[in-house]
């Protein structure tokens, strides 16, 4: 992953959102991007937003399969995100595009 200014979390957030949107472009309508943070256990969650706090904090918010709200606050130097397809909670509604709210 190439980020122009490695000290700015916004650059990381923008790159992650771009990759999530590319990943979702190839998924069926009843699926969305999910993620697992390898160092924080094996439970996947539906990624609903990615935000940042400069200079080096990323914030991932989402929902587990059981409907629990989760938020991970991560330093950019610790980032390892595995993207995977997870079932959408409401497949009848349009898929929410991350980063363009």
PDB file of N, CA and C in Angstrom:
ATOM      1  N   UNK A   1       0.847  -1.158   0.000  1.00  0.00           N
ATOM      2  CA  UNK A   1       0.000   0.000   0.000  1.00  0.00           C
ATOM      3  C   UNK A   1       0.904   1.235   0.000  1.00  0.00           C
ATOM      4  N   UNK A   2       0.727   2.110  -0.959  1.00  0.00           N
ATOM      5  CA  UNK A   2       1.534   3.327  -1.051  1.00  0.00           C
ATOM      6  C   UNK A   2       0.733   4.510  -0.542  1.00  0.00           C
ATOM      7  N   UNK A   3       1.270   5.221   0.398  1.00  0.00           N
ATOM      8  CA  UNK A   3       0.641   6.421   0.937  1.00  0.00           C
ATOM      9  C   UNK A   3       1.641   7.555   0.794  1.00  0.00           C
ATOM     10  N   UNK A   4       1.202   8.676   0.222  1.00  0.00           N
ATOM     11  CA  UNK A   4       2.109   9.790  -0.063  1.00  0.00           C
ATOM     12  C   UNK A   4       2.822  10.301   1.189  1.00  0.00           C
ATOM     13  N   UNK A   5       2.095  10.565   2.246  1.00  0.00           N
ATOM     14  CA  UNK A   5       2.696  11.056   3.479  1.00  0.00           C
ATOM     15  C   UNK A   5       2.394  10.043   4.580  1.00  0.00           C
ATOM     16  N   UNK A   6       3.378   9.242   4.923  1.00  0.00           N
ATOM     17  CA  UNK A   6       3.156   8.154   5.862  1.00  0.00           C
ATOM     18  C   UNK A   6       2.859   8.614   7.277  1.00  0.00           C
ATOM     19  N   UNK A   7       2.942   9.899   7.549  1.00  0.00           N
ATOM     20  CA  UNK A   7       2.617  10.403   8.878  1.00  0.00           C
ATOM     21  C   UNK A   7       1.180  10.888   8.975  1.00  0.00           C
ATOM     22  N   UNK A   8       0.437  10.818   7.910  1.00  0.00           N
ATOM     23  CA  UNK A   8      -0.918  11.348   7.901  1.00  0.00           C
ATOM     24  C   UNK A   8      -1.916  10.196   7.764  1.00  0.00           C
ATOM     25  N   UNK A   9      -2.729  10.008   8.810  1.00  0.00           N
ATOM     26  CA  UNK A   9      -3.702   8.918   8.829  1.00  0.00           C
ATOM     27  C   UNK A   9      -4.736   9.061   7.713  1.00  0.00           C
ATOM     28  N   UNK A  10      -5.031  10.284   7.315  1.00  0.00           N
ATOM     29  CA  UNK A  10      -6.018  10.485   6.252  1.00  0.00           C
ATOM     30  C   UNK A  10      -5.605   9.769   4.970  1.00  0.00           C
ATOM     31  N   UNK A  11      -4.332   9.782   4.638  1.00  0.00           N
ATOM     32  CA  UNK A  11      -3.856   9.083   3.446  1.00  0.00           C
ATOM     33  C   UNK A  11      -4.105   7.591   3.537  1.00  0.00           C
ATOM     34  N   UNK A  12      -3.873   7.002   4.702  1.00  0.00           N
ATOM     35  CA  UNK A  12      -4.155   5.584   4.897  1.00  0.00           C
ATOM     36  C   UNK A  12      -5.650   5.310   4.766  1.00  0.00           C
ATOM     37  N   UNK A  13      -6.463   6.156   5.413  1.00  0.00           N
ATOM     38  CA  UNK A  13      -7.917   5.979   5.346  1.00  0.00           C
ATOM     39  C   UNK A  13      -8.403   6.018   3.908  1.00  0.00           C
ATOM     40  N   UNK A  14      -7.941   6.979   3.126  1.00  0.00           N
ATOM     41  CA  UNK A  14      -8.362   7.100   1.728  1.00  0.00           C
ATOM     42  C   UNK A  14      -7.982   5.857   0.929  1.00  0.00           C
ATOM     43  N   UNK A  15      -6.784   5.338   1.153  1.00  0.00           N
ATOM     44  CA  UNK A  15      -6.334   4.141   0.441  1.00  0.00           C
ATOM     45  C   UNK A  15      -7.157   2.928   0.850  1.00  0.00           C
ATOM     46  N   UNK A  16      -7.449   2.783   2.132  1.00  0.00           N
ATOM     47  CA  UNK A  16      -8.250   1.656   2.603  1.00  0.00           C
ATOM     48  C   UNK A  16      -9.655   1.717   2.020  1.00  0.00           C
ATOM     49  N   UNK A  17     -10.262   2.885   2.017  1.00  0.00           N
ATOM     50  CA  UNK A  17     -11.605   3.031   1.453  1.00  0.00           C
ATOM     51  C   UNK A  17     -11.604   2.680  -0.025  1.00  0.00           C
ATOM     52  N   UNK A  18     -10.605   3.111  -0.759  1.00  0.00           N
ATOM     53  CA  UNK A  18     -10.515   2.782  -2.183  1.00  0.00           C
ATOM     54  C   UNK A  18     -10.437   1.270  -2.379  1.00  0.00           C
ATOM     55  N   UNK A  19      -9.640   0.610  -1.589  1.00  0.00           N
ATOM     56  CA  UNK A  19      -9.499  -0.853  -1.707  1.00  0.00           C
ATOM     57  C   UNK A  19     -10.776  -1.577  -1.295  1.00  0.00           C
ATOM     58  N   UNK A  20     -11.462  -1.095  -0.255  1.00  0.00           N
ATOM     59  CA  UNK A  20     -12.732  -1.703   0.150  1.00  0.00           C
ATOM     60  C   UNK A  20     -13.758  -1.556  -0.975  1.00  0.00           C
ATOM     61  N   UNK A  21     -13.849  -0.379  -1.567  1.00  0.00           N
ATOM     62  CA  UNK A  21     -14.815  -0.157  -2.647  1.00  0.00           C
ATOM     63  C   UNK A  21     -14.497  -1.016  -3.871  1.00  0.00           C
ATOM     64  N   UNK A  22     -13.232  -1.196  -4.196  1.00  0.00           N
ATOM     65  CA  UNK A  22     -12.840  -2.090  -5.294  1.00  0.00           C
ATOM     66  C   UNK A  22     -13.227  -3.530  -4.971  1.00  0.00           C
ATOM     67  N   UNK A  23     -13.013  -3.950  -3.740  1.00  0.00           N
ATOM     68  CA  UNK A  23     -13.365  -5.297  -3.298  1.00  0.00           C
ATOM     69  C   UNK A  23     -14.868  -5.516  -3.416  1.00  0.00           C
ATOM     70  N   UNK A  24     -15.670  -4.550  -2.949  1.00  0.00           N
ATOM     71  CA  UNK A  24     -17.123  -4.678  -2.989  1.00  0.00           C
ATOM     72  C   UNK A  24     -17.688  -4.644  -4.396  1.00  0.00           C
ATOM     73  N   UNK A  25     -17.001  -4.019  -5.322  1.00  0.00           N
ATOM     74  CA  UNK A  25     -17.499  -3.922  -6.700  1.00  0.00           C
ATOM     75  C   UNK A  25     -17.690  -5.300  -7.327  1.00  0.00           C
ATOM     76  N   UNK A  26     -16.986  -6.295  -6.840  1.00  0.00           N
ATOM     77  CA  UNK A  26     -17.069  -7.647  -7.398  1.00  0.00           C
ATOM     78  C   UNK A  26     -17.924  -8.593  -6.565  1.00  0.00           C
ATOM     79  N   UNK A  27     -18.640  -8.071  -5.569  1.00  0.00           N
ATOM     80  CA  UNK A  27     -19.467  -8.913  -4.708  1.00  0.00           C
ATOM     81  C   UNK A  27     -20.919  -8.892  -5.157  1.00  0.00           C
ATOM     82  N   UNK A  28     -21.652  -9.988  -4.902  1.00  0.00           N
ATOM     83  CA  UNK A  28     -23.090  -9.961  -5.174  1.00  0.00           C
ATOM     84  C   UNK A  28     -23.782  -8.965  -4.246  1.00  0.00           C
ATOM     85  N   UNK A  29     -25.006  -8.571  -4.610  1.00  0.00           N
ATOM     86  CA  UNK A  29     -25.722  -7.533  -3.869  1.00  0.00           C
ATOM     87  C   UNK A  29     -26.022  -7.890  -2.421  1.00  0.00           C
ATOM     88  N   UNK A  30     -26.082  -9.179  -2.079  1.00  0.00           N
ATOM     89  CA  UNK A  30     -26.406  -9.554  -0.704  1.00  0.00           C
ATOM     90  C   UNK A  30     -25.168  -9.660   0.192  1.00  0.00           C
ATOM     91  N   UNK A  31     -24.014  -9.261  -0.336  1.00  0.00           N
ATOM     92  CA  UNK A  31     -22.765  -9.320   0.422  1.00  0.00           C
ATOM     93  C   UNK A  31     -22.164  -7.920   0.522  1.00  0.00           C
ATOM     94  N   UNK A  32     -21.258  -7.731   1.492  1.00  0.00           N
ATOM     95  CA  UNK A  32     -20.533  -6.474   1.637  1.00  0.00           C
ATOM     96  C   UNK A  32     -19.147  -6.786   2.165  1.00  0.00           C
ATOM     97  N   UNK A  33     -18.289  -5.783   2.190  1.00  0.00           N
ATOM     98  CA  UNK A  33     -16.946  -5.968   2.717  1.00  0.00           C
ATOM     99  C   UNK A  33     -17.006  -6.140   4.219  1.00  0.00           C
ATOM    100  N   UNK A  34     -16.275  -7.111   4.681  1.00  0.00           N
ATOM    101  CA  UNK A  34     -16.102  -7.327   6.102  1.00  0.00           C
ATOM    102  C   UNK A  34     -14.616  -7.338   6.379  1.00  0.00           C
ATOM    103  N   UNK A  35     -14.262  -7.377   7.617  1.00  0.00           N
ATOM    104  CA  UNK A  35     -12.855  -7.387   7.942  1.00  0.00           C
ATOM    105  C   UNK A  35     -12.548  -8.183   9.179  1.00  0.00           C
ATOM    106  N   UNK A  36     -11.316  -8.613   9.253  1.00  0.00           N
ATOM    107  CA  UNK A  36     -10.774  -9.243  10.450  1.00  0.00           C
ATOM    108  C   UNK A  36      -9.445  -8.581  10.717  1.00  0.00           C
ATOM    109  N   UNK A  37      -9.227  -8.228  11.960  1.00  0.00           N
ATOM    110  CA  UNK A  37      -7.935  -7.725  12.366  1.00  0.00           C
ATOM    111  C   UNK A  37      -7.217  -8.899  12.997  1.00  0.00           C
ATOM    112  N   UNK A  38      -6.213  -9.390  12.333  1.00  0.00           N
ATOM    113  CA  UNK A  38      -5.563 -10.636  12.680  1.00  0.00           C
ATOM    114  C   UNK A  38      -5.124 -10.675  14.145  1.00  0.00           C
ATOM    115  N   UNK A  39      -4.666  -9.579  14.681  1.00  0.00           N
ATOM    116  CA  UNK A  39      -4.166  -9.580  16.049  1.00  0.00           C
ATOM    117  C   UNK A  39      -5.260  -9.474  17.100  1.00  0.00           C
ATOM    118  N   UNK A  40      -6.526  -9.329  16.699  1.00  0.00           N
ATOM    119  CA  UNK A  40      -7.612  -9.131  17.652  1.00  0.00           C
ATOM    120  C   UNK A  40      -8.650 -10.242  17.622  1.00  0.00           C
ATOM    121  N   UNK A  41      -8.274 -11.455  17.324  1.00  0.00           N
ATOM    122  CA  UNK A  41      -9.217 -12.566  17.339  1.00  0.00           C
ATOM    123  C   UNK A  41      -9.716 -12.888  15.955  1.00  0.00           C
ATOM    124  N   UNK A  42     -10.633 -13.831  15.895  1.00  0.00           N
ATOM    125  CA  UNK A  42     -11.071 -14.364  14.608  1.00  0.00           C
ATOM    126  C   UNK A  42     -12.452 -13.917  14.181  1.00  0.00           C
ATOM    127  N   UNK A  43     -13.141 -13.112  14.973  1.00  0.00           N
ATOM    128  CA  UNK A  43     -14.493 -12.719  14.606  1.00  0.00           C
ATOM    129  C   UNK A  43     -14.475 -11.643  13.527  1.00  0.00           C
ATOM    130  N   UNK A  44     -15.230 -11.887  12.461  1.00  0.00           N
ATOM    131  CA  UNK A  44     -15.351 -10.908  11.380  1.00  0.00           C
ATOM    132  C   UNK A  44     -16.448  -9.914  11.731  1.00  0.00           C
ATOM    133  N   UNK A  45     -16.389  -8.740  11.112  1.00  0.00           N
ATOM    134  CA  UNK A  45     -17.443  -7.744  11.292  1.00  0.00           C
ATOM    135  C   UNK A  45     -17.665  -7.027   9.972  1.00  0.00           C
ATOM    136  N   UNK A  46     -18.896  -6.558   9.763  1.00  0.00           N
ATOM    137  CA  UNK A  46     -19.221  -5.772   8.576  1.00  0.00           C
ATOM    138  C   UNK A  46     -18.642  -4.377   8.776  1.00  0.00           C
ATOM    139  N   UNK A  47     -17.825  -3.926   7.830  1.00  0.00           N
ATOM    140  CA  UNK A  47     -17.214  -2.602   7.927  1.00  0.00           C
ATOM    141  C   UNK A  47     -18.239  -1.570   7.462  1.00  0.00           C
ATOM    142  N   UNK A  48     -18.560  -0.627   8.336  1.00  0.00           N
ATOM    143  CA  UNK A  48     -19.536   0.399   8.006  1.00  0.00           C
ATOM    144  C   UNK A  48     -18.905   1.762   7.814  1.00  0.00           C
ATOM    145  N   UNK A  49     -17.769   2.002   8.466  1.00  0.00           N
ATOM    146  CA  UNK A  49     -17.081   3.272   8.247  1.00  0.00           C
ATOM    147  C   UNK A  49     -15.613   3.150   8.617  1.00  0.00           C
ATOM    148  N   UNK A  50     -14.823   3.990   7.965  1.00  0.00           N
ATOM    149  CA  UNK A  50     -13.403   4.130   8.263  1.00  0.00           C
ATOM    150  C   UNK A  50     -13.148   5.624   8.413  1.00  0.00           C
ATOM    151  N   UNK A  51     -12.668   6.022   9.585  1.00  0.00           N
ATOM    152  CA  UNK A  51     -12.343   7.420   9.826  1.00  0.00           C
ATOM    153  C   UNK A  51     -10.915   7.496  10.352  1.00  0.00           C
ATOM    154  N   UNK A  52     -10.456   8.684  10.674  1.00  0.00           N
ATOM    155  CA  UNK A  52      -9.072   8.848  11.097  1.00  0.00           C
ATOM    156  C   UNK A  52      -8.940  10.005  12.063  1.00  0.00           C
ATOM    157  N   UNK A  53      -7.833  10.012  12.767  1.00  0.00           N
ATOM    158  CA  UNK A  53      -7.414  11.133  13.591  1.00  0.00           C
ATOM    159  C   UNK A  53      -5.935  11.330  13.288  1.00  0.00           C
ATOM    160  N   UNK A  54      -5.599  12.407  12.584  1.00  0.00           N
ATOM    161  CA  UNK A  54      -4.193  12.644  12.255  1.00  0.00           C
ATOM    162  C   UNK A  54      -3.390  12.855  13.523  1.00  0.00           C
ATOM    163  N   UNK A  55      -2.161  12.465  13.594  1.00  0.00           N
ATOM    164  CA  UNK A  55      -1.369  12.040  12.452  1.00  0.00           C
ATOM    165  C   UNK A  55      -1.377  10.540  12.189  1.00  0.00           C
ATOM    166  N   UNK A  56      -1.859   9.678  13.105  1.00  0.00           N
ATOM    167  CA  UNK A  56      -1.604   8.256  12.872  1.00  0.00           C
ATOM    168  C   UNK A  56      -2.635   7.299  13.463  1.00  0.00           C
ATOM    169  N   UNK A  57      -3.875   7.707  13.627  1.00  0.00           N
ATOM    170  CA  UNK A  57      -4.912   6.828  14.179  1.00  0.00           C
ATOM    171  C   UNK A  57      -5.991   6.581  13.120  1.00  0.00           C
ATOM    172  N   UNK A  58      -6.349   5.315  12.927  1.00  0.00           N
ATOM    173  CA  UNK A  58      -7.452   4.916  12.064  1.00  0.00           C
ATOM    174  C   UNK A  58      -8.544   4.323  12.947  1.00  0.00           C
ATOM    175  N   UNK A  59      -9.807   4.575  12.583  1.00  0.00           N
ATOM    176  CA  UNK A  59     -10.934   4.102  13.370  1.00  0.00           C
ATOM    177  C   UNK A  59     -11.877   3.330  12.444  1.00  0.00           C
ATOM    178  N   UNK A  60     -12.057   2.045  12.739  1.00  0.00           N
ATOM    179  CA  UNK A  60     -12.926   1.172  11.960  1.00  0.00           C
ATOM    180  C   UNK A  60     -14.162   0.884  12.793  1.00  0.00           C
ATOM    181  N   UNK A  61     -15.350   1.151  12.225  1.00  0.00           N
ATOM    182  CA  UNK A  61     -16.611   0.897  12.911  1.00  0.00           C
ATOM    183  C   UNK A  61     -17.431  -0.083  12.110  1.00  0.00           C
ATOM    184  N   UNK A  62     -18.210  -0.903  12.802  1.00  0.00           N
ATOM    185  CA  UNK A  62     -19.031  -1.875  12.105  1.00  0.00           C
ATOM    186  C   UNK A  62     -19.908  -2.661  13.048  1.00  0.00           C
ATOM    187  N   UNK A  63     -20.382  -3.812  12.524  1.00  0.00           N
ATOM    188  CA  UNK A  63     -21.311  -4.666  13.254  1.00  0.00           C
ATOM    189  C   UNK A  63     -20.907  -6.118  13.079  1.00  0.00           C
ATOM    190  N   UNK A  64     -20.955  -6.884  14.171  1.00  0.00           N
ATOM    191  CA  UNK A  64     -20.673  -8.316  14.085  1.00  0.00           C
ATOM    192  C   UNK A  64     -21.897  -9.040  13.532  1.00  0.00           C
ATOM    193  N   UNK A  65     -21.733 -10.319  13.221  1.00  0.00           N
ATOM    194  CA  UNK A  65     -22.850 -11.131  12.727  1.00  0.00           C
ATOM    195  C   UNK A  65     -23.974 -11.218  13.756  1.00  0.00           C
ATOM    196  N   UNK A  66     -23.639 -11.067  15.033  1.00  0.00           N
ATOM    197  CA  UNK A  66     -24.641 -11.114  16.092  1.00  0.00           C
ATOM    198  C   UNK A  66     -25.309  -9.764  16.321  1.00  0.00           C
ATOM    199  N   UNK A  67     -24.933  -8.744  15.547  1.00  0.00           N
ATOM    200  CA  UNK A  67     -25.541  -7.426  15.660  1.00  0.00           C
ATOM    201  C   UNK A  67     -24.884  -6.502  16.665  1.00  0.00           C
ATOM    202  N   UNK A  68     -23.757  -6.909  17.221  1.00  0.00           N
ATOM    203  CA  UNK A  68     -23.042  -6.057  18.172  1.00  0.00           C
ATOM    204  C   UNK A  68     -22.295  -4.954  17.431  1.00  0.00           C
ATOM    205  N   UNK A  69     -22.355  -3.745  17.954  1.00  0.00           N
ATOM    206  CA  UNK A  69     -21.613  -2.628  17.392  1.00  0.00           C
ATOM    207  C   UNK A  69     -20.176  -2.717  17.868  1.00  0.00           C
ATOM    208  N   UNK A  70     -19.228  -2.587  16.927  1.00  0.00           N
ATOM    209  CA  UNK A  70     -17.813  -2.646  17.283  1.00  0.00           C
ATOM    210  C   UNK A  70     -17.093  -1.438  16.705  1.00  0.00           C
ATOM    211  N   UNK A  71     -16.021  -1.055  17.376  1.00  0.00           N
ATOM    212  CA  UNK A  71     -15.165   0.018  16.885  1.00  0.00           C
ATOM    213  C   UNK A  71     -13.738  -0.315  17.295  1.00  0.00           C
ATOM    214  N   UNK A  72     -12.838  -0.256  16.333  1.00  0.00           N
ATOM    215  CA  UNK A  72     -11.436  -0.499  16.613  1.00  0.00           C
ATOM    216  C   UNK A  72     -10.658   0.772  16.328  1.00  0.00           C
ATOM    217  N   UNK A  73      -9.896   1.208  17.303  1.00  0.00           N
ATOM    218  CA  UNK A  73      -9.027   2.374  17.151  1.00  0.00           C
ATOM    219  C   UNK A  73      -7.619   1.830  17.012  1.00  0.00           C
ATOM    220  N   UNK A  74      -6.989   2.091  15.876  1.00  0.00           N
ATOM    221  CA  UNK A  74      -5.733   1.430  15.540  1.00  0.00           C
ATOM    222  C   UNK A  74      -4.679   2.440  15.093  1.00  0.00           C
ATOM    223  N   UNK A  75      -3.477   2.282  15.598  1.00  0.00           N
ATOM    224  CA  UNK A  75      -2.343   3.079  15.140  1.00  0.00           C
ATOM    225  C   UNK A  75      -1.947   2.581  13.753  1.00  0.00           C
ATOM    226  N   UNK A  76      -1.580   3.492  12.864  1.00  0.00           N
ATOM    227  CA  UNK A  76      -1.255   3.092  11.491  1.00  0.00           C
ATOM    228  C   UNK A  76      -0.111   2.083  11.424  1.00  0.00           C
ATOM    229  N   UNK A  77       0.796   2.100  12.372  1.00  0.00           N
ATOM    230  CA  UNK A  77       1.915   1.157  12.342  1.00  0.00           C
ATOM    231  C   UNK A  77       1.484  -0.268  12.692  1.00  0.00           C
ATOM    232  N   UNK A  78       0.285  -0.436  13.232  1.00  0.00           N
ATOM    233  CA  UNK A  78      -0.214  -1.753  13.625  1.00  0.00           C
ATOM    234  C   UNK A  78      -1.188  -2.351  12.606  1.00  0.00           C
ATOM    235  N   UNK A  79      -1.437  -1.672  11.504  1.00  0.00           N
ATOM    236  CA  UNK A  79      -2.516  -2.042  10.594  1.00  0.00           C
ATOM    237  C   UNK A  79      -2.237  -3.319   9.813  1.00  0.00           C
ATOM    238  N   UNK A  80      -3.134  -4.290   9.971  1.00  0.00           N
ATOM    239  CA  UNK A  80      -3.217  -5.510   9.175  1.00  0.00           C
ATOM    240  C   UNK A  80      -4.694  -5.817   9.043  1.00  0.00           C
ATOM    241  N   UNK A  81      -5.283  -5.560   7.894  1.00  0.00           N
ATOM    242  CA  UNK A  81      -6.721  -5.756   7.700  1.00  0.00           C
ATOM    243  C   UNK A  81      -6.949  -6.790   6.608  1.00  0.00           C
ATOM    244  N   UNK A  82      -7.639  -7.875   6.939  1.00  0.00           N
ATOM    245  CA  UNK A  82      -8.010  -8.902   5.982  1.00  0.00           C
ATOM    246  C   UNK A  82      -9.427  -8.609   5.516  1.00  0.00           C
ATOM    247  N   UNK A  83      -9.603  -8.303   4.229  1.00  0.00           N
ATOM    248  CA  UNK A  83     -10.947  -8.070   3.688  1.00  0.00           C
ATOM    249  C   UNK A  83     -11.568  -9.409   3.323  1.00  0.00           C
ATOM    250  N   UNK A  84     -12.859  -9.571   3.647  1.00  0.00           N
ATOM    251  CA  UNK A  84     -13.591 -10.764   3.268  1.00  0.00           C
ATOM    252  C   UNK A  84     -15.036 -10.389   3.055  1.00  0.00           C
ATOM    253  N   UNK A  85     -15.762 -11.231   2.328  1.00  0.00           N
ATOM    254  CA  UNK A  85     -17.172 -10.982   2.054  1.00  0.00           C
ATOM    255  C   UNK A  85     -18.009 -11.500   3.219  1.00  0.00           C
ATOM    256  N   UNK A  86     -18.935 -10.661   3.695  1.00  0.00           N
ATOM    257  CA  UNK A  86     -19.869 -11.061   4.749  1.00  0.00           C
ATOM    258  C   UNK A  86     -21.286 -10.732   4.293  1.00  0.00           C
ATOM    259  N   UNK A  87     -22.261 -11.496   4.796  1.00  0.00           N
ATOM    260  CA  UNK A  87     -23.665 -11.247   4.455  1.00  0.00           C
ATOM    261  C   UNK A  87     -24.099  -9.885   4.966  1.00  0.00           C
ATOM    262  N   UNK A  88     -24.888  -9.198   4.162  1.00  0.00           N
ATOM    263  CA  UNK A  88     -25.431  -7.907   4.577  1.00  0.00           C
ATOM    264  C   UNK A  88     -26.620  -8.122   5.496  1.00  0.00           C
ATOM    265  N   UNK A  89     -26.786  -7.243   6.472  1.00  0.00           N
ATOM    266  CA  UNK A  89     -27.912  -7.324   7.400  1.00  0.00           C
ATOM    267  C   UNK A  89     -29.234  -6.992   6.720  1.00  0.00           C
ATOM    268  N   UNK A  90     -29.214  -6.090   5.752  1.00  0.00           N
ATOM    269  CA  UNK A  90     -30.420  -5.660   5.065  1.00  0.00           C
ATOM    270  C   UNK A  90     -30.160  -5.633   3.560  1.00  0.00           C
ATOM    271  N   UNK A  91     -30.191  -6.802   2.888  1.00  0.00           N
ATOM    272  CA  UNK A  91     -29.854  -6.840   1.466  1.00  0.00           C
ATOM    273  C   UNK A  91     -30.861  -6.135   0.558  1.00  0.00           C
ATOM    274  N   UNK A  92     -32.059  -5.808   1.089  1.00  0.00           N
ATOM    275  CA  UNK A  92     -33.055  -5.100   0.276  1.00  0.00           C
ATOM    276  C   UNK A  92     -32.681  -3.628   0.079  1.00  0.00           C
ATOM    277  N   UNK A  93     -31.996  -3.048   1.039  1.00  0.00           N
ATOM    278  CA  UNK A  93     -31.575  -1.647   0.947  1.00  0.00           C
ATOM    279  C   UNK A  93     -30.318  -1.550   0.088  1.00  0.00           C
ATOM    280  N   UNK A  94     -30.096  -0.416  -0.563  1.00  0.00           N
ATOM    281  CA  UNK A  94     -28.869  -0.264  -1.349  1.00  0.00           C
ATOM    282  C   UNK A  94     -27.644  -0.422  -0.457  1.00  0.00           C
ATOM    283  N   UNK A  95     -26.597  -1.018  -1.016  1.00  0.00           N
ATOM    284  CA  UNK A  95     -25.364  -1.182  -0.253  1.00  0.00           C
ATOM    285  C   UNK A  95     -24.771   0.185   0.028  1.00  0.00           C
ATOM    286  N   UNK A  96     -24.418   0.419   1.271  1.00  0.00           N
ATOM    287  CA  UNK A  96     -23.831   1.689   1.686  1.00  0.00           C
ATOM    288  C   UNK A  96     -22.383   1.742   1.231  1.00  0.00           C
ATOM    289  N   UNK A  97     -22.017   2.783   0.516  1.00  0.00           N
ATOM    290  CA  UNK A  97     -20.645   2.919   0.055  1.00  0.00           C
ATOM    291  C   UNK A  97     -19.806   3.611   1.125  1.00  0.00           C
ATOM    292  N   UNK A  98     -18.755   2.952   1.535  1.00  0.00           N
ATOM    293  CA  UNK A  98     -17.881   3.473   2.588  1.00  0.00           C
ATOM    294  C   UNK A  98     -17.083   4.653   2.043  1.00  0.00           C
ATOM    295  N   UNK A  99     -17.015   5.704   2.850  1.00  0.00           N
ATOM    296  CA  UNK A  99     -16.190   6.855   2.495  1.00  0.00           C
ATOM    297  C   UNK A  99     -16.920   7.972   1.805  1.00  0.00           C
ATOM    298  N   UNK A 100     -18.131   7.730   1.358  1.00  0.00           N
ATOM    299  CA  UNK A 100     -18.877   8.756   0.634  1.00  0.00           C
ATOM    300  C   UNK A 100     -20.252   8.895   1.249  1.00  0.00           C
ATOM    301  N   UNK A 101     -20.306   9.369   2.493  1.00  0.00           N
ATOM    302  CA  UNK A 101     -21.560   9.458   3.223  1.00  0.00           C
ATOM    303  C   UNK A 101     -22.268  10.758   2.947  1.00  0.00           C
TER     304      UNK A 101
END
